[in-house]
Each structure stands twice: as C-alpha cells, then as structure tokens.
Amino acid sequence: MFWLLPRTALALLFAALGAGLGGWLGEAWGHGRLGAMLGAGAAAALVALVDGLRGDRLLTWLSSEMHDGAPPLVGFWGEAGVRVERALRLRERALSAEREQLAQMLEAIDASPNGVLLLDAADQIEWMNQMAAAHLGLDPLRDQRQHVTHLVRAPAFVAHLQARQFEQPVQIPGAQGKGLLAVLVRPYGQGKRLLLTQDITERERVDATKRDFVANVSHEIRTPLTVLAGFVETMATLPLTEVERQRVLSLMGQQAKRMQALVGDLLTLARLEGSARPPADQWCPVARLTQVVEQEVRALSAGRHELIVDTGALEALAGQESELSSALGNLAFNAVRYTPEGGRIQIIARRGDDGSGELSVVDTGPGIAPEHLPRLAERFYRVDGSRSRDTGGTGLGLAIVKHVAQRHGGELLIESAVGQGSRFTLRLPPSRVRAAAVTPA
C-alpha cells in the first residue's frame, strides 16, 4: 500500500499531461476531445511501457544466477529489487552458516573414537566417519549408496539388522577378523538407521583378565582354607597325641601365613594401581634400601646361600622408598626360594650406559626356560605351580615388581637360561638416578 498511492498519482499525472497535450493538438485539427483521449491513452501506455521495461529488467536479474547486485532501478521496481537482493543475501548467509555448522558437526563426528554410519530406508550407506570405515573395513567415498549387508557380511550383524530388534548391541569381528566390535543400531527419521560401532577388544581382554584374576584368587585362597578346615575337623573328631597335635598346628600355621601373604600381596597390588605416581624429587638412598633388603634376605636364607651386595655405583633413586624396597625384596626373596643350598645370590646396583639406574638380583638357581619368560610377570603365573607353593610364593611377586617399575617410568628385565641361573633387573630412567661420586685413586 506504500507504493500504490504514488504510482497511481504518477499515472494520473502523466494521463492528465497527455490529455492536455492531446487536447491542445486536437483543437488545432478540430477534434479536441478525441485528441485529449488519445493523449491520455498514449501517456498511460508510455508509463506502462517504462514500468514494464523496469519490471522486465528485474525479472531478468531474478532469472539469472544473481551473482551481481540488483539492477539500478528507481521507484517501485528499484525498491523491490533492493528488498529481494537483501532477502537473498540474508538467505545465503543463513545457508552458509548452516553449512559451516553442519561441516563442523560432521568433522566432530569424524573425530569421534566410535564409528558412526548412516543408513537410508533401503539399508544403503548414506555417510560414515573414518572410524566406522576403519572398524568395518569400508571406504567412506567408494562405498556410499552401497547396501550395507553386501559389505559387512558377518552373520550375526545381518541377522540383527533383519530382525529389527535393536535394543541390545551385537558383537561382530572387526575388519579382516582383527579384534571385536560392538554394533548398536538406532532407528531415526523415515525408516533410516544410525549405526554406532565401538572397538571392545581391549575391554573384553580386561574383563577376561578380571575373571581369570578372580578365579585365580578364589583358587589360591580355597586351597589353604580347605587344608585348615580339614585340620580343624581332624582335631575336633580324632584323639591326637601331643606330637600329632603340634604337627597339625604347625601345618595350620603355615597355611594361615600363606593366606596372609596372599592377602598382603593383593592389597599391595591394589594400592599400587590406585595411588598417584611416585614423586620425582624425593630421593631414596640406595645404601639404606639395600641394607634393609640384605637383612631380610640373610634371615630368610639362614646361611644356606652366599650373599654378595654391591651398591657402590648408585647414590640415590627418586621415587617411593617403600615401593622400591618391596620390588627389590620380592626379587631377592624369589632368588632365595629357588636357589639351591650352597648357591650364590648377588644384589647389584649399577648405572647403565644410557645413564639409567639398575637394581639387579642375580642367582645361580635352576634357571627358566625361554617359553616362560614373557609371562613371568603375569599374576599367578608359575613355571611349576606345585614347586612354587612349596617355596611359599603367592604368584604375585613379579607382578608387583612390574607395577613398581612402570609407576617409576622404568621396566622389569628378565634374563635366564636353564641350568645357568637368572638375572632380574629393575631399570629406572636417568631422571630418577643420582650416581655415586667417583673417588680418585
């Protein structure tokens, strides 16, 4: 309505001017009224022609790509062109912002550690991120618009997709049969589906390890408990002589100590796994560390072994003294348990060629076969289970040593050969080592 009155007034003005000019010319020919009517009509036609040409220029611009601005028109069509151009530019900016937001969202999904795959109503792949492609062995570009079951042929997945029962995820092998995947399907939109894939290989391994750990702990505790229960029943039901009673009580004490040692090692492992890393600025004197371990080893050996201690190469180690003492003690106690009487045990502290610190326990025991070395630090792993139980071991000592080494940024090294003894080394990085000062000759 804003432009209706000016355009009407302009048309009437031109019509009046045309009528006046036409009437003046018509009077000269004797047809004034006819001239006025023709003049008004001609003026109106001229106004309509000019207005139509302006409208045509605007329509031509609207029919083009509209990369350039609106044509420079005046009046109604000029204002219409400006407003149309403004609306188009606003729409373009809004679309550009939406495209950028969509691109950022897809980029974020693409960076997800889980796989994301979109299926249409016909189970054809519309889009997938890089992780889904890696999990399922697909190509994000080449495999678009392909039927998903033609590419992912795991029977469990095909049956799960066809059953349309998506409450629980389905587990399938990963690409090329490596690992294990959990695939969760969720419907959305008009018959479309969203597939989420997750690599659960490590989670399954950890769960299996936990199950084995619980089973091993139950087995290790059940054995001494069974023995204790049997001895208690024996003492309660059978008349025993004093010698027999003392022997039974001694055996019961051994089993109780075994359970105490097992529980103590379990608590040590739990504390190591749940506590913060040892400080790197708290120094522990190596001489004090080895002195405590030496006293305990001599008490356990009771003179049955030759013990040699050489710790002059290191002054101090950075870390938790109680943990380092426990690790070195476990290595030394194992050497005492498995080295025959008359054998030699050495506790050596030295500095490696790269500046690292090494705490080693060397024995002249029976040695260990090569196939057992990679698994020695596993919990409850024993080369000879019956022999280990006879020596009083819990099967957790080397696991504790390995945890201590890793918490201090180091590693546990094992060298052994059958019939040639063994060497267990706790190696710490150079940043945690302070070498002893060298006294000149």
Protein backbone atom coordinates (compact mmCIF):
# COMPACT_ATOMS: atom_id res chain seq x y z
CA MET A 1 0.00 0.00 0.00
CA PHE A 2 3.01 2.30 0.47
CA TRP A 3 3.73 2.39 -3.30
CA LEU A 4 0.10 2.24 -4.51
CA LEU A 5 -0.72 5.93 -3.98
CA PRO A 6 2.48 7.38 -5.56
CA ARG A 7 2.21 5.06 -8.59
CA THR A 8 -1.48 5.94 -9.04
CA ALA A 9 -0.75 9.65 -8.70
CA LEU A 10 2.11 9.39 -11.20
CA ALA A 11 -0.08 7.53 -13.70
CA LEU A 12 -2.89 10.15 -13.31
CA LEU A 13 -0.39 12.98 -13.66
CA PHE A 14 1.01 11.58 -16.91
CA ALA A 15 -2.52 10.85 -18.14
CA ALA A 16 -3.55 14.44 -17.37
CA LEU A 17 -0.47 15.84 -19.13
CA GLY A 18 -1.11 13.55 -22.10
CA ALA A 19 -4.76 14.57 -22.20
CA GLY A 20 -3.83 18.27 -22.08
CA LEU A 21 -1.23 17.93 -24.82
CA GLY A 22 -3.52 15.75 -26.93
CA GLY A 23 -6.47 18.16 -26.46
CA TRP A 24 -4.31 21.13 -27.49
CA LEU A 25 -3.15 19.35 -30.63
CA GLY A 26 -6.68 18.08 -31.29
CA GLU A 27 -8.12 21.64 -31.13
CA ALA A 28 -5.81 22.55 -33.98
CA TRP A 29 -7.38 19.75 -36.08
CA GLY A 30 -10.86 20.28 -34.79
CA HIS A 31 -11.02 17.15 -32.62
CA GLY A 32 -10.13 18.37 -29.15
CA ARG A 33 -11.93 15.67 -27.16
CA LEU A 34 -10.55 12.87 -29.28
CA GLY A 35 -7.08 14.33 -29.03
CA ALA A 36 -7.38 14.52 -25.26
CA MET A 37 -8.43 10.86 -25.06
CA LEU A 38 -5.63 9.74 -27.39
CA GLY A 39 -3.10 11.84 -25.48
CA ALA A 40 -4.17 10.37 -22.13
CA GLY A 41 -4.03 6.83 -23.56
CA ALA A 42 -0.59 7.44 -25.08
CA ALA A 43 0.72 8.84 -21.80
CA ALA A 44 -0.68 5.86 -19.86
CA ALA A 45 0.85 3.46 -22.41
CA LEU A 46 4.22 5.22 -22.10
CA VAL A 47 4.08 4.95 -18.31
CA ALA A 48 3.13 1.27 -18.59
CA LEU A 49 5.93 0.65 -21.12
CA VAL A 50 8.58 2.25 -18.93
CA ASP A 51 7.21 0.41 -15.90
CA GLY A 52 7.18 -2.88 -17.82
CA LEU A 53 10.76 -2.41 -19.01
CA ARG A 54 11.87 -1.87 -15.42
CA GLY A 55 9.95 -4.93 -14.28
CA ASP A 56 11.47 -6.94 -17.14
CA ARG A 57 15.00 -5.97 -16.07
CA LEU A 58 14.21 -7.08 -12.53
CA LEU A 59 12.71 -10.39 -13.75
CA THR A 60 15.74 -10.98 -15.96
CA TRP A 61 18.03 -10.49 -12.96
CA LEU A 62 15.89 -12.82 -10.84
CA SER A 63 16.08 -15.49 -13.57
CA SER A 64 19.89 -15.30 -13.65
CA GLU A 65 22.45 -16.59 -11.11
CA MET A 66 22.13 -13.24 -9.29
CA HIS A 67 25.87 -13.05 -8.59
CA ASP A 68 25.75 -9.31 -9.33
CA GLY A 69 23.65 -6.84 -7.42
CA ALA A 70 20.11 -5.87 -8.33
CA PRO A 71 19.76 -3.61 -11.45
CA PRO A 72 19.86 0.13 -10.64
CA LEU A 73 16.15 0.91 -10.96
CA VAL A 74 14.13 3.73 -9.43
CA GLY A 75 10.71 3.76 -7.97
CA PHE A 76 8.73 0.67 -7.16
CA TRP A 77 10.86 -1.80 -9.12
CA GLY A 78 14.08 -0.38 -7.70
CA GLU A 79 12.83 -0.79 -4.15
CA ALA A 80 11.55 -4.29 -4.95
CA GLY A 81 14.94 -5.25 -6.39
CA VAL A 82 16.78 -3.93 -3.32
CA ARG A 83 14.48 -5.81 -0.97
CA VAL A 84 14.71 -9.04 -2.96
CA GLU A 85 18.50 -8.76 -3.05
CA ARG A 86 18.63 -8.12 0.70
CA ALA A 87 16.41 -11.14 1.38
CA LEU A 88 18.53 -13.32 -0.90
CA ARG A 89 21.77 -12.22 0.75
CA LEU A 90 20.29 -12.91 4.18
CA ARG A 91 19.19 -16.35 2.99
CA GLU A 92 22.65 -17.04 1.56
CA ARG A 93 24.34 -16.04 4.81
CA ALA A 94 21.96 -18.24 6.79
CA LEU A 95 22.59 -21.19 4.45
CA SER A 96 26.34 -20.61 4.62
CA ALA A 97 26.19 -20.57 8.42
CA GLU A 98 24.15 -23.78 8.41
CA ARG A 99 26.59 -25.44 6.00
CA GLU A 100 29.51 -24.41 8.19
CA GLN A 101 27.73 -25.69 11.29
CA LEU A 102 26.94 -28.98 9.52
CA ALA A 103 30.55 -29.29 8.36
CA GLN A 104 31.80 -28.69 11.91
CA MET A 105 29.33 -31.24 13.28
CA LEU A 106 30.44 -33.83 10.71
CA GLU A 107 34.06 -33.02 11.47
CA ALA A 108 33.39 -33.55 15.18
CA ILE A 109 31.64 -36.85 14.46
CA ASP A 110 34.52 -37.83 12.21
CA ALA A 111 36.91 -37.26 15.12
CA SER A 112 34.86 -39.47 17.44
CA PRO A 113 36.61 -42.58 18.79
CA ASN A 114 33.44 -44.52 17.93
CA GLY A 115 32.24 -45.32 14.44
CA VAL A 116 29.12 -43.59 13.07
CA LEU A 117 27.33 -44.85 9.93
CA LEU A 118 24.02 -43.63 8.45
CA LEU A 119 21.69 -45.95 6.50
CA ASP A 120 18.67 -44.97 4.42
CA ALA A 121 15.35 -46.83 4.42
CA ALA A 122 16.78 -49.41 1.98
CA ASP A 123 19.81 -50.12 4.23
CA GLN A 124 22.12 -48.29 1.82
CA ILE A 125 25.05 -46.34 3.23
CA GLU A 126 24.50 -42.56 3.16
CA TRP A 127 27.52 -41.43 5.18
CA MET A 128 30.15 -42.78 7.56
CA ASN A 129 33.02 -41.36 9.57
CA GLN A 130 36.63 -42.53 9.35
CA MET A 131 36.39 -44.68 12.49
CA ALA A 132 33.39 -46.62 11.17
CA ALA A 133 35.25 -47.18 7.91
CA ALA A 134 38.30 -48.45 9.82
CA HIS A 135 36.19 -50.69 12.08
CA LEU A 136 34.24 -52.29 9.22
CA GLY A 137 36.91 -52.20 6.52
CA LEU A 138 34.98 -49.77 4.26
CA ASP A 139 35.83 -46.76 2.11
CA PRO A 140 33.92 -43.56 3.07
CA LEU A 141 33.56 -42.39 -0.57
CA ARG A 142 33.61 -45.51 -2.67
CA ASP A 143 31.08 -47.44 -0.58
CA GLN A 144 28.40 -44.74 -0.40
CA ARG A 145 24.99 -45.85 -1.72
CA GLN A 146 26.03 -49.50 -1.29
CA HIS A 147 23.86 -51.96 0.62
CA VAL A 148 25.49 -52.41 4.00
CA THR A 149 24.98 -56.19 4.17
CA HIS A 150 26.81 -56.57 0.85
CA LEU A 151 29.92 -55.15 2.54
CA VAL A 152 29.52 -56.22 6.18
CA ARG A 153 28.69 -59.90 5.91
CA ALA A 154 29.07 -61.05 9.50
CA PRO A 155 26.13 -63.45 10.02
CA ALA A 156 25.34 -62.02 13.45
CA PHE A 157 25.13 -58.48 12.05
CA VAL A 158 22.96 -59.49 9.06
CA ALA A 159 20.55 -61.39 11.31
CA HIS A 160 20.47 -58.48 13.79
CA LEU A 161 19.64 -55.96 11.03
CA GLN A 162 16.93 -58.16 9.54
CA ALA A 163 15.33 -58.95 12.89
CA ARG A 164 14.72 -55.24 13.56
CA GLN A 165 15.25 -55.82 17.28
CA PHE A 166 17.73 -53.10 18.19
CA GLU A 167 17.50 -52.95 21.99
CA GLN A 168 20.90 -54.61 22.53
CA PRO A 169 24.15 -54.23 20.56
CA VAL A 170 25.52 -57.10 18.52
CA GLN A 171 29.16 -58.22 18.65
CA ILE A 172 30.97 -58.98 15.40
CA PRO A 173 34.61 -59.46 14.35
CA GLY A 174 36.48 -56.37 13.22
CA ALA A 175 37.92 -55.72 9.77
CA GLN A 176 39.89 -58.71 8.49
CA GLY A 177 38.86 -60.63 11.60
CA LYS A 178 41.00 -58.48 13.90
CA GLY A 179 39.53 -57.52 17.25
CA LEU A 180 35.93 -57.42 18.38
CA LEU A 181 33.30 -54.77 17.63
CA ALA A 182 30.04 -53.86 19.33
CA VAL A 183 27.48 -52.52 16.82
CA LEU A 184 24.47 -50.59 18.14
CA VAL A 185 21.60 -49.80 15.72
CA ARG A 186 19.14 -46.96 16.37
CA PRO A 187 16.18 -46.06 14.07
CA TYR A 188 15.59 -42.39 13.17
CA GLY A 189 13.71 -40.35 10.58
CA GLN A 190 11.58 -42.08 7.96
CA GLY A 191 12.84 -45.66 8.15
CA LYS A 192 16.50 -44.65 8.44
CA ARG A 193 19.00 -46.18 10.83
CA LEU A 194 22.06 -45.00 12.74
CA LEU A 195 24.89 -47.49 13.33
CA LEU A 196 27.36 -46.92 16.17
CA THR A 197 30.47 -49.11 16.25
CA GLN A 198 32.88 -49.46 19.16
CA ASP A 199 36.09 -51.46 19.43
CA ILE A 200 35.66 -53.56 22.58
CA THR A 201 38.74 -55.73 22.10
CA GLU A 202 40.62 -54.17 25.00
CA ARG A 203 37.53 -54.10 27.20
CA GLU A 204 36.92 -57.79 26.60
CA ARG A 205 40.57 -58.52 27.32
CA VAL A 206 40.38 -56.60 30.60
CA ASP A 207 37.13 -58.35 31.54
CA ALA A 208 38.69 -61.73 30.79
CA THR A 209 41.72 -60.76 32.85
CA LYS A 210 39.46 -59.77 35.75
CA ARG A 211 37.56 -63.05 35.50
CA ASP A 212 40.80 -65.01 35.47
CA PHE A 213 42.11 -62.95 38.36
CA VAL A 214 39.03 -63.61 40.48
CA ALA A 215 39.16 -67.31 39.59
CA ASN A 216 42.85 -67.49 40.48
CA VAL A 217 42.38 -65.65 43.77
CA SER A 218 39.48 -67.92 44.67
CA HIS A 219 41.56 -70.97 43.85
CA GLU A 220 44.60 -69.74 45.78
CA ILE A 221 42.54 -68.94 48.89
CA ARG A 222 40.37 -72.06 48.66
CA THR A 223 43.36 -74.39 48.89
CA PRO A 224 44.69 -73.26 52.30
CA LEU A 225 41.15 -72.83 53.60
CA THR A 226 40.38 -76.43 52.64
CA VAL A 227 43.53 -77.59 54.41
CA LEU A 228 42.69 -75.56 57.52
CA ALA A 229 39.13 -76.86 57.56
CA GLY A 230 40.44 -80.43 57.28
CA PHE A 231 42.87 -79.95 60.15
CA VAL A 232 40.19 -78.34 62.34
CA GLU A 233 37.87 -81.28 61.68
CA THR A 234 40.71 -83.69 62.44
CA MET A 235 41.48 -82.04 65.77
CA ALA A 236 37.79 -81.94 66.66
CA THR A 237 36.98 -85.54 65.84
CA LEU A 238 40.13 -87.58 66.38
CA PRO A 239 42.11 -88.13 69.57
CA LEU A 240 45.64 -86.91 68.78
CA THR A 241 48.84 -87.31 70.67
CA GLU A 242 50.76 -84.21 71.67
CA VAL A 243 53.26 -84.73 68.85
CA GLU A 244 50.49 -85.12 66.27
CA ARG A 245 48.66 -82.11 67.63
CA GLN A 246 51.78 -79.93 67.42
CA ARG A 247 52.40 -81.10 63.85
CA VAL A 248 48.81 -80.26 62.84
CA LEU A 249 49.05 -76.86 64.49
CA SER A 250 52.32 -76.19 62.64
CA LEU A 251 50.75 -77.07 59.30
CA MET A 252 47.74 -74.89 60.11
CA GLY A 253 50.07 -72.00 60.93
CA GLN A 254 51.83 -72.45 57.57
CA GLN A 255 48.53 -72.28 55.70
CA ALA A 256 47.45 -69.22 57.68
CA LYS A 257 50.74 -67.48 56.86
CA ARG A 258 50.25 -68.37 53.22
CA MET A 259 46.82 -66.74 53.20
CA GLN A 260 48.23 -63.70 54.99
CA ALA A 261 50.97 -63.38 52.39
CA LEU A 262 48.45 -63.70 49.57
CA VAL A 263 46.13 -61.06 51.05
CA GLY A 264 49.11 -58.77 51.68
CA ASP A 265 50.27 -59.05 48.06
CA LEU A 266 46.72 -58.42 46.82
CA LEU A 267 46.47 -55.29 48.96
CA THR A 268 49.88 -54.14 47.69
CA LEU A 269 48.75 -54.54 44.08
CA ALA A 270 45.51 -52.67 44.78
CA ARG A 271 47.43 -49.84 46.42
CA LEU A 272 49.88 -49.61 43.50
CA GLU A 273 47.08 -49.48 40.93
CA GLY A 274 45.02 -46.93 42.81
CA SER A 275 47.61 -44.43 44.05
CA ALA A 276 49.30 -41.50 42.34
CA ARG A 277 52.67 -41.78 40.62
CA PRO A 278 55.70 -41.60 42.92
CA PRO A 279 57.33 -38.15 43.18
CA ALA A 280 60.39 -37.47 41.02
CA ASP A 281 62.04 -35.18 43.58
CA GLN A 282 62.00 -37.48 46.63
CA TRP A 283 65.36 -39.26 46.80
CA CYS A 284 65.91 -42.62 48.44
CA PRO A 285 69.50 -43.62 49.39
CA VAL A 286 70.40 -46.88 47.67
CA ALA A 287 72.61 -47.98 50.57
CA ARG A 288 69.70 -47.78 53.01
CA LEU A 289 67.41 -49.53 50.55
CA THR A 290 69.72 -52.48 50.02
CA GLN A 291 70.66 -52.71 53.68
CA VAL A 292 67.06 -53.43 54.69
CA VAL A 293 66.66 -55.99 51.90
CA GLU A 294 70.01 -57.62 52.76
CA GLN A 295 68.96 -58.14 56.37
CA GLU A 296 65.67 -59.76 55.35
CA VAL A 297 67.40 -61.98 52.76
CA ARG A 298 70.00 -63.20 55.26
CA ALA A 299 67.24 -64.03 57.74
CA LEU A 300 65.29 -65.95 55.08
CA SER A 301 68.38 -67.76 53.77
CA ALA A 302 69.63 -68.66 57.26
CA GLY A 303 73.18 -69.14 55.96
CA ARG A 304 72.22 -71.57 53.19
CA HIS A 305 73.42 -69.23 50.39
CA GLU A 306 76.36 -66.99 49.61
CA LEU A 307 75.09 -63.40 49.51
CA ILE A 308 77.02 -60.62 47.72
CA VAL A 309 75.84 -56.98 47.78
CA ASP A 310 77.42 -54.35 45.51
CA THR A 311 75.67 -50.94 45.53
CA GLY A 312 78.58 -48.53 45.23
CA ALA A 313 77.69 -47.33 41.73
CA LEU A 314 74.46 -45.53 42.75
CA GLU A 315 73.91 -42.97 45.46
CA ALA A 316 70.14 -42.46 45.37
CA LEU A 317 66.98 -43.13 43.36
CA ALA A 318 63.97 -40.82 43.03
CA GLY A 319 60.69 -42.40 43.99
CA GLN A 320 58.72 -44.12 46.73
CA GLU A 321 61.17 -45.90 49.04
CA SER A 322 58.63 -48.42 50.30
CA GLU A 323 57.73 -49.45 46.74
CA LEU A 324 61.35 -49.77 45.63
CA SER A 325 62.17 -51.76 48.75
CA SER A 326 59.19 -54.06 48.13
CA ALA A 327 60.22 -54.62 44.49
CA LEU A 328 63.86 -55.36 45.29
CA GLY A 329 62.80 -57.55 48.23
CA ASN A 330 60.49 -59.63 46.03
CA LEU A 331 63.30 -60.25 43.54
CA ALA A 332 65.72 -61.21 46.31
CA PHE A 333 63.21 -63.45 48.14
CA ASN A 334 62.48 -65.32 44.88
CA ALA A 335 66.20 -65.88 44.45
CA VAL A 336 66.44 -67.36 47.96
CA ARG A 337 63.40 -69.61 47.41
CA TYR A 338 64.54 -71.05 44.10
CA THR A 339 68.33 -71.18 44.53
CA PRO A 340 69.58 -74.49 45.94
CA GLU A 341 71.54 -74.56 49.17
CA GLY A 342 75.15 -73.50 48.62
CA GLY A 343 74.25 -71.29 45.64
CA ARG A 344 75.20 -67.64 45.21
CA ILE A 345 72.87 -64.61 45.24
CA GLN A 346 74.05 -61.14 44.22
CA ILE A 347 72.29 -57.80 44.73
CA ILE A 348 73.87 -55.27 42.38
CA ALA A 349 73.20 -51.55 41.86
CA ARG A 350 74.80 -50.13 38.72
CA ARG A 351 74.42 -47.35 36.20
CA GLY A 352 73.61 -48.25 32.61
CA ASP A 353 75.39 -46.88 29.56
CA ASP A 354 72.46 -44.53 28.89
CA GLY A 355 72.51 -43.15 32.46
CA SER A 356 69.68 -45.34 33.71
CA GLY A 357 69.78 -46.96 37.13
CA GLU A 358 69.63 -50.74 37.51
CA LEU A 359 68.87 -52.78 40.61
CA SER A 360 69.66 -56.42 39.77
CA VAL A 361 69.33 -59.71 41.60
CA VAL A 362 71.46 -62.50 40.15
CA ASP A 363 71.24 -66.12 41.31
CA THR A 364 72.73 -69.50 40.43
CA GLY A 365 69.40 -71.29 40.55
CA PRO A 366 67.98 -73.79 38.05
CA GLY A 367 67.09 -71.11 35.51
CA ILE A 368 63.91 -70.67 33.49
CA ALA A 369 63.04 -71.99 30.03
CA PRO A 370 62.66 -69.30 27.31
CA GLU A 371 58.97 -70.02 26.67
CA HIS A 372 58.10 -68.95 30.23
CA LEU A 373 59.98 -65.62 30.28
CA PRO A 374 57.33 -63.42 28.54
CA ARG A 375 54.64 -64.47 31.04
CA LEU A 376 56.58 -64.47 34.30
CA ALA A 377 55.21 -61.07 35.41
CA GLU A 378 51.57 -62.16 34.93
CA ARG A 379 49.55 -62.53 38.11
CA PHE A 380 49.57 -66.07 39.50
CA TYR A 381 51.65 -67.38 36.61
CA ARG A 382 54.00 -70.11 37.78
CA VAL A 383 56.54 -72.17 35.89
CA ASP A 384 55.91 -75.03 38.29
CA GLY A 385 52.80 -74.46 40.39
CA SER A 386 53.38 -77.18 42.96
CA ARG A 387 57.01 -76.22 43.48
CA SER A 388 56.08 -72.53 43.88
CA ARG A 389 53.55 -73.34 46.56
CA ASP A 390 56.10 -75.46 48.39
CA THR A 391 58.51 -72.50 48.49
CA GLY A 392 55.85 -70.19 49.89
CA GLY A 393 55.32 -67.99 46.84
CA THR A 394 51.97 -66.34 46.08
CA GLY A 395 52.47 -65.87 42.34
CA LEU A 396 52.15 -62.09 42.68
CA GLY A 397 55.73 -61.04 43.46
CA LEU A 398 56.90 -60.32 39.90
CA ALA A 399 53.56 -58.64 39.10
CA ILE A 400 54.23 -56.25 41.99
CA VAL A 401 57.77 -55.61 40.74
CA LYS A 402 56.48 -54.87 37.24
CA HIS A 403 53.90 -52.40 38.59
CA VAL A 404 56.54 -50.62 40.68
CA ALA A 405 58.84 -50.35 37.66
CA GLN A 406 56.09 -48.93 35.44
CA ARG A 407 54.97 -46.44 38.09
CA HIS A 408 58.55 -45.13 38.24
CA GLY A 409 58.79 -44.91 34.45
CA GLY A 410 61.03 -47.96 34.23
CA GLU A 411 60.80 -51.62 33.28
CA LEU A 412 61.46 -55.13 34.55
CA LEU A 413 64.07 -57.11 32.60
CA ILE A 414 64.45 -60.87 32.95
CA GLU A 415 67.40 -62.91 31.68
CA SER A 416 67.58 -66.60 32.35
CA ALA A 417 68.67 -69.93 30.87
CA VAL A 418 68.03 -73.42 32.12
CA GLY A 419 70.92 -74.58 34.30
CA GLN A 420 72.65 -71.17 34.26
CA GLY A 421 70.70 -69.16 36.81
CA SER A 422 68.65 -65.97 36.37
CA ARG A 423 69.06 -62.21 36.41
CA PHE A 424 66.14 -59.94 37.31
CA THR A 425 66.72 -56.21 36.78
CA LEU A 426 64.61 -53.24 37.84
CA ARG A 427 65.68 -50.43 35.47
CA LEU A 428 64.75 -46.79 36.17
CA PRO A 429 65.15 -43.82 33.78
CA PRO A 430 68.15 -41.44 34.09
CA SER A 431 65.94 -38.68 35.50
CA ARG A 432 65.41 -40.78 38.64
CA VAL A 433 69.07 -41.72 39.13
CA ARG A 434 71.80 -40.00 41.13
CA ALA A 435 75.17 -41.66 40.58
CA ALA A 436 77.70 -42.05 43.36
CA ALA A 437 80.69 -39.73 43.29
CA VAL A 438 83.86 -41.36 41.97
CA THR A 439 86.79 -41.16 44.39
CA PRO A 440 90.10 -40.64 42.52
CA ALA A 441 92.80 -43.23 43.12
